[in-house]
PDB file of N, CA and C in Angstrom:
ATOM      1  N   MET A   1       0.845  -1.179   0.000  1.00  0.00           N
ATOM      2  CA  MET A   1       0.000   0.000   0.000  1.00  0.00           C
ATOM      3  C   MET A   1       0.890   1.243   0.000  1.00  0.00           C
ATOM      4  N   SER A   2       0.570   2.196  -0.834  1.00  0.00           N
ATOM      5  CA  SER A   2       1.386   3.408  -0.927  1.00  0.00           C
ATOM      6  C   SER A   2       0.966   4.416   0.156  1.00  0.00           C
ATOM      7  N   MET A   3       1.883   5.319   0.453  1.00  0.00           N
ATOM      8  CA  MET A   3       1.648   6.350   1.459  1.00  0.00           C
ATOM      9  C   MET A   3       0.719   7.416   0.877  1.00  0.00           C
ATOM     10  N   PRO A   4      -0.325   7.816   1.597  1.00  0.00           N
ATOM     11  CA  PRO A   4      -1.188   8.880   1.081  1.00  0.00           C
ATOM     12  C   PRO A   4      -0.429  10.206   1.052  1.00  0.00           C
ATOM     13  N   ARG A   5      -0.780  11.044   0.091  1.00  0.00           N
ATOM     14  CA  ARG A   5      -0.125  12.348  -0.012  1.00  0.00           C
ATOM     15  C   ARG A   5      -0.653  13.316   1.046  1.00  0.00           C
ATOM     16  N   TRP A   6      -1.956  13.341   1.270  1.00  0.00           N
ATOM     17  CA  TRP A   6      -2.585  14.249   2.235  1.00  0.00           C
ATOM     18  C   TRP A   6      -3.007  13.467   3.469  1.00  0.00           C
ATOM     19  N   VAL A   7      -2.580  13.945   4.641  1.00  0.00           N
ATOM     20  CA  VAL A   7      -2.938  13.297   5.906  1.00  0.00           C
ATOM     21  C   VAL A   7      -3.357  14.356   6.916  1.00  0.00           C
ATOM     22  N   LEU A   8      -4.108  13.931   7.914  1.00  0.00           N
ATOM     23  CA  LEU A   8      -4.495  14.839   8.994  1.00  0.00           C
ATOM     24  C   LEU A   8      -3.284  15.166   9.869  1.00  0.00           C
ATOM     25  N   ILE A   9      -3.402  16.223  10.656  1.00  0.00           N
ATOM     26  CA  ILE A   9      -2.293  16.704  11.474  1.00  0.00           C
ATOM     27  C   ILE A   9      -1.745  15.612  12.386  1.00  0.00           C
ATOM     28  N   LYS A  10      -2.614  14.828  12.994  1.00  0.00           N
ATOM     29  CA  LYS A  10      -2.149  13.783  13.913  1.00  0.00           C
ATOM     30  C   LYS A  10      -1.210  12.807  13.215  1.00  0.00           C
ATOM     31  N   ARG A  11      -1.596  12.375  12.030  1.00  0.00           N
ATOM     32  CA  ARG A  11      -0.759  11.422  11.278  1.00  0.00           C
ATOM     33  C   ARG A  11       0.522  12.094  10.780  1.00  0.00           C
ATOM     34  N   ALA A  12       0.422  13.344  10.372  1.00  0.00           N
ATOM     35  CA  ALA A  12       1.609  14.083   9.928  1.00  0.00           C
ATOM     36  C   ALA A  12       2.611  14.194  11.071  1.00  0.00           C
ATOM     37  N   ALA A  13       2.116  14.408  12.278  1.00  0.00           N
ATOM     38  CA  ALA A  13       3.006  14.495  13.442  1.00  0.00           C
ATOM     39  C   ALA A  13       3.715  13.158  13.670  1.00  0.00           C
ATOM     40  N   GLU A  14       2.993  12.071  13.547  1.00  0.00           N
ATOM     41  CA  GLU A  14       3.592  10.742  13.730  1.00  0.00           C
ATOM     42  C   GLU A  14       4.688  10.488  12.698  1.00  0.00           C
ATOM     43  N   LEU A  15       4.472  10.925  11.468  1.00  0.00           N
ATOM     44  CA  LEU A  15       5.387  10.620  10.378  1.00  0.00           C
ATOM     45  C   LEU A  15       6.571  11.585  10.275  1.00  0.00           C
ATOM     46  N   THR A  16       6.381  12.832  10.693  1.00  0.00           N
ATOM     47  CA  THR A  16       7.446  13.830  10.533  1.00  0.00           C
ATOM     48  C   THR A  16       8.291  14.025  11.782  1.00  0.00           C
ATOM     49  N   GLY A  17       7.735  13.701  12.943  1.00  0.00           N
ATOM     50  CA  GLY A  17       8.458  13.961  14.185  1.00  0.00           C
ATOM     51  C   GLY A  17       8.132  15.316  14.785  1.00  0.00           C
ATOM     52  N   TYR A  18       7.464  16.182  14.040  1.00  0.00           N
ATOM     53  CA  TYR A  18       6.986  17.451  14.599  1.00  0.00           C
ATOM     54  C   TYR A  18       5.782  17.158  15.491  1.00  0.00           C
ATOM     55  N   SER A  19       5.639  17.906  16.569  1.00  0.00           N
ATOM     56  CA  SER A  19       4.453  17.745  17.407  1.00  0.00           C
ATOM     57  C   SER A  19       3.242  18.324  16.670  1.00  0.00           C
ATOM     58  N   GLU A  20       2.062  17.930  17.097  1.00  0.00           N
ATOM     59  CA  GLU A  20       0.842  18.486  16.505  1.00  0.00           C
ATOM     60  C   GLU A  20       0.818  20.001  16.693  1.00  0.00           C
ATOM     61  N   ASP A  21       1.247  20.481  17.860  1.00  0.00           N
ATOM     62  CA  ASP A  21       1.287  21.925  18.103  1.00  0.00           C
ATOM     63  C   ASP A  21       2.262  22.628  17.170  1.00  0.00           C
ATOM     64  N   ALA A  22       3.417  22.010  16.910  1.00  0.00           N
ATOM     65  CA  ALA A  22       4.401  22.607  15.998  1.00  0.00           C
ATOM     66  C   ALA A  22       3.824  22.712  14.583  1.00  0.00           C
ATOM     67  N   ILE A  23       3.107  21.688  14.166  1.00  0.00           N
ATOM     68  CA  ILE A  23       2.488  21.721  12.836  1.00  0.00           C
ATOM     69  C   ILE A  23       1.432  22.812  12.780  1.00  0.00           C
ATOM     70  N   ARG A  24       0.588  22.882  13.802  1.00  0.00           N
ATOM     71  CA  ARG A  24      -0.439  23.926  13.825  1.00  0.00           C
ATOM     72  C   ARG A  24       0.201  25.321  13.799  1.00  0.00           C
ATOM     73  N   HIS A  25       1.320  25.492  14.490  1.00  0.00           N
ATOM     74  CA  HIS A  25       2.018  26.770  14.506  1.00  0.00           C
ATOM     75  C   HIS A  25       2.543  27.120  13.113  1.00  0.00           C
ATOM     76  N   LYS A  26       3.132  26.160  12.407  1.00  0.00           N
ATOM     77  CA  LYS A  26       3.644  26.395  11.060  1.00  0.00           C
ATOM     78  C   LYS A  26       2.510  26.770  10.106  1.00  0.00           C
ATOM     79  N   VAL A  27       1.348  26.175  10.299  1.00  0.00           N
ATOM     80  CA  VAL A  27       0.175  26.502   9.489  1.00  0.00           C
ATOM     81  C   VAL A  27      -0.296  27.920   9.822  1.00  0.00           C
ATOM     82  N   LYS A  28      -0.429  28.204  11.106  1.00  0.00           N
ATOM     83  CA  LYS A  28      -0.997  29.483  11.543  1.00  0.00           C
ATOM     84  C   LYS A  28      -0.112  30.673  11.203  1.00  0.00           C
ATOM     85  N   ASN A  29       1.212  30.522  11.360  1.00  0.00           N
ATOM     86  CA  ASN A  29       2.079  31.687  11.150  1.00  0.00           C
ATOM     87  C   ASN A  29       2.574  31.820   9.711  1.00  0.00           C
ATOM     88  N   GLY A  30       2.156  30.919   8.833  1.00  0.00           N
ATOM     89  CA  GLY A  30       2.494  31.038   7.421  1.00  0.00           C
ATOM     90  C   GLY A  30       3.817  30.418   7.013  1.00  0.00           C
ATOM     91  N   THR A  31       4.479  29.698   7.927  1.00  0.00           N
ATOM     92  CA  THR A  31       5.720  29.005   7.564  1.00  0.00           C
ATOM     93  C   THR A  31       5.449  28.007   6.449  1.00  0.00           C
ATOM     94  N   TRP A  32       4.320  27.343   6.524  1.00  0.00           N
ATOM     95  CA  TRP A  32       3.911  26.400   5.489  1.00  0.00           C
ATOM     96  C   TRP A  32       2.810  27.038   4.647  1.00  0.00           C
ATOM     97  N   ALA A  33       2.975  27.018   3.317  1.00  0.00           N
ATOM     98  CA  ALA A  33       2.059  27.676   2.395  1.00  0.00           C
ATOM     99  C   ALA A  33       0.723  26.939   2.287  1.00  0.00           C
ATOM    100  N   GLN A  34      -0.342  27.719   2.430  1.00  0.00           N
ATOM    101  CA  GLN A  34      -1.674  27.156   2.266  1.00  0.00           C
ATOM    102  C   GLN A  34      -1.879  26.774   0.809  1.00  0.00           C
ATOM    103  N   GLY A  35      -2.496  25.632   0.590  1.00  0.00           N
ATOM    104  CA  GLY A  35      -2.760  25.142  -0.753  1.00  0.00           C
ATOM    105  C   GLY A  35      -1.655  24.255  -1.282  1.00  0.00           C
ATOM    106  N   ARG A  36      -0.438  24.443  -0.791  1.00  0.00           N
ATOM    107  CA  ARG A  36       0.673  23.614  -1.238  1.00  0.00           C
ATOM    108  C   ARG A  36       1.062  22.618  -0.156  1.00  0.00           C
ATOM    109  N   ILE A  37       1.337  23.094   1.053  1.00  0.00           N
ATOM    110  CA  ILE A  37       1.742  22.196   2.145  1.00  0.00           C
ATOM    111  C   ILE A  37       0.542  21.814   3.004  1.00  0.00           C
ATOM    112  N   TRP A  38      -0.421  22.706   3.113  1.00  0.00           N
ATOM    113  CA  TRP A  38      -1.609  22.358   3.898  1.00  0.00           C
ATOM    114  C   TRP A  38      -2.846  22.947   3.233  1.00  0.00           C
ATOM    115  N   ARG A  39      -3.973  22.345   3.557  1.00  0.00           N
ATOM    116  CA  ARG A  39      -5.251  22.877   3.091  1.00  0.00           C
ATOM    117  C   ARG A  39      -6.367  22.373   3.976  1.00  0.00           C
ATOM    118  N   LYS A  40      -7.470  23.098   3.962  1.00  0.00           N
ATOM    119  CA  LYS A  40      -8.658  22.674   4.693  1.00  0.00           C
ATOM    120  C   LYS A  40      -9.563  21.900   3.752  1.00  0.00           C
ATOM    121  N   ALA A  41     -10.074  20.799   4.255  1.00  0.00           N
ATOM    122  CA  ALA A  41     -11.053  20.012   3.509  1.00  0.00           C
ATOM    123  C   ALA A  41     -12.428  20.658   3.677  1.00  0.00           C
ATOM    124  N   ARG A  42     -13.395  20.137   3.013  1.00  0.00           N
ATOM    125  CA  ARG A  42     -14.755  20.696   3.083  1.00  0.00           C
ATOM    126  C   ARG A  42     -15.331  20.670   4.488  1.00  0.00           C
ATOM    127  N   ASP A  43     -14.829  19.756   5.327  1.00  0.00           N
ATOM    128  CA  ASP A  43     -15.318  19.684   6.712  1.00  0.00           C
ATOM    129  C   ASP A  43     -14.464  20.539   7.659  1.00  0.00           C
ATOM    130  N   ASN A  44     -13.587  21.385   7.089  1.00  0.00           N
ATOM    131  CA  ASN A  44     -12.711  22.310   7.827  1.00  0.00           C
ATOM    132  C   ASN A  44     -11.573  21.641   8.580  1.00  0.00           C
ATOM    133  N   ARG A  45     -11.323  20.374   8.335  1.00  0.00           N
ATOM    134  CA  ARG A  45     -10.165  19.720   8.952  1.00  0.00           C
ATOM    135  C   ARG A  45      -8.937  20.042   8.116  1.00  0.00           C
ATOM    136  N   VAL A  46      -7.814  20.237   8.796  1.00  0.00           N
ATOM    137  CA  VAL A  46      -6.576  20.605   8.116  1.00  0.00           C
ATOM    138  C   VAL A  46      -5.826  19.341   7.709  1.00  0.00           C
ATOM    139  N   PHE A  47      -5.464  19.280   6.434  1.00  0.00           N
ATOM    140  CA  PHE A  47      -4.674  18.187   5.893  1.00  0.00           C
ATOM    141  C   PHE A  47      -3.296  18.700   5.518  1.00  0.00           C
ATOM    142  N   ILE A  48      -2.290  17.841   5.673  1.00  0.00           N
ATOM    143  CA  ILE A  48      -0.905  18.165   5.381  1.00  0.00           C
ATOM    144  C   ILE A  48      -0.445  17.309   4.210  1.00  0.00           C
ATOM    145  N   ASN A  49       0.243  17.934   3.249  1.00  0.00           N
ATOM    146  CA  ASN A  49       0.784  17.254   2.085  1.00  0.00           C
ATOM    147  C   ASN A  49       2.210  16.811   2.420  1.00  0.00           C
ATOM    148  N   LEU A  50       2.399  15.536   2.657  1.00  0.00           N
ATOM    149  CA  LEU A  50       3.696  15.017   3.080  1.00  0.00           C
ATOM    150  C   LEU A  50       4.782  15.182   2.021  1.00  0.00           C
ATOM    151  N   GLU A  51       4.415  15.079   0.757  1.00  0.00           N
ATOM    152  CA  GLU A  51       5.401  15.280  -0.312  1.00  0.00           C
ATOM    153  C   GLU A  51       5.962  16.700  -0.259  1.00  0.00           C
ATOM    154  N   GLU A  52       5.100  17.669  -0.013  1.00  0.00           N
ATOM    155  CA  GLU A  52       5.528  19.064   0.044  1.00  0.00           C
ATOM    156  C   GLU A  52       6.317  19.363   1.319  1.00  0.00           C
ATOM    157  N   VAL A  53       5.998  18.687   2.410  1.00  0.00           N
ATOM    158  CA  VAL A  53       6.799  18.840   3.629  1.00  0.00           C
ATOM    159  C   VAL A  53       8.216  18.368   3.357  1.00  0.00           C
ATOM    160  N   ASP A  54       8.363  17.247   2.674  1.00  0.00           N
ATOM    161  CA  ASP A  54       9.696  16.752   2.317  1.00  0.00           C
ATOM    162  C   ASP A  54      10.446  17.784   1.478  1.00  0.00           C
ATOM    163  N   LYS A  55       9.787  18.371   0.489  1.00  0.00           N
ATOM    164  CA  LYS A  55      10.430  19.386  -0.351  1.00  0.00           C
ATOM    165  C   LYS A  55      10.849  20.596   0.487  1.00  0.00           C
ATOM    166  N   TRP A  56       9.997  20.991   1.431  1.00  0.00           N
ATOM    167  CA  TRP A  56      10.302  22.120   2.309  1.00  0.00           C
ATOM    168  C   TRP A  56      11.556  21.830   3.136  1.00  0.00           C
ATOM    169  N   VAL A  57      11.646  20.636   3.688  1.00  0.00           N
ATOM    170  CA  VAL A  57      12.823  20.249   4.475  1.00  0.00           C
ATOM    171  C   VAL A  57      14.071  20.258   3.590  1.00  0.00           C
ATOM    172  N   GLU A  58      13.950  19.687   2.409  1.00  0.00           N
ATOM    173  CA  GLU A  58      15.105  19.587   1.512  1.00  0.00           C
ATOM    174  C   GLU A  58      15.539  20.937   0.958  1.00  0.00           C
ATOM    175  N   SER A  59      14.685  21.955   1.012  1.00  0.00           N
ATOM    176  CA  SER A  59      15.035  23.263   0.471  1.00  0.00           C
ATOM    177  C   SER A  59      15.877  24.101   1.444  1.00  0.00           C
ATOM    178  N   ALA A  60      16.014  23.661   2.671  1.00  0.00           N
ATOM    179  CA  ALA A  60      16.793  24.422   3.661  1.00  0.00           C
ATOM    180  C   ALA A  60      18.269  24.393   3.293  1.00  0.00           C
ATOM    181  N   PRO A  61      18.935  25.579   3.321  1.00  0.00           N
ATOM    182  CA  PRO A  61      20.378  25.587   3.016  1.00  0.00           C
ATOM    183  C   PRO A  61      21.158  24.795   4.068  1.00  0.00           C
ATOM    184  N   GLN A  62      22.178  24.126   3.599  1.00  0.00           N
ATOM    185  CA  GLN A  62      23.007  23.309   4.491  1.00  0.00           C
ATOM    186  C   GLN A  62      24.377  23.959   4.669  1.00  0.00           C
ATOM    187  N   GLU A  63      24.856  23.953   5.890  1.00  0.00           N
ATOM    188  CA  GLU A  63      26.190  24.470   6.157  1.00  0.00           C
ATOM    189  C   GLU A  63      27.223  23.376   5.913  1.00  0.00           C
ATOM    190  N   ALA A  64      28.384  23.769   5.451  1.00  0.00           N
ATOM    191  CA  ALA A  64      29.469  22.792   5.250  1.00  0.00           C
ATOM    192  C   ALA A  64      29.920  22.262   6.589  1.00  0.00           C
ATOM    193  N   ALA A  65      30.229  20.990   6.622  1.00  0.00           N
ATOM    194  CA  ALA A  65      30.661  20.353   7.873  1.00  0.00           C
ATOM    195  C   ALA A  65      32.102  20.699   8.215  1.00  0.00           C
TER     196      ALA A  65
END
């Protein structure tokens, strides 16, 4: 079975290691772009796009060791 692209905050927290509060904070303060990394479903529940979270992590500049 393949991994779903969009998951609820609870599942995103389990898979990413971020706490549910940390995810909610990233959504609320605009760190994560609405429509790309997160979106509200018709029932107003927030879903997280795991593929886009991976891209966001990989886009961070890395310092030389």
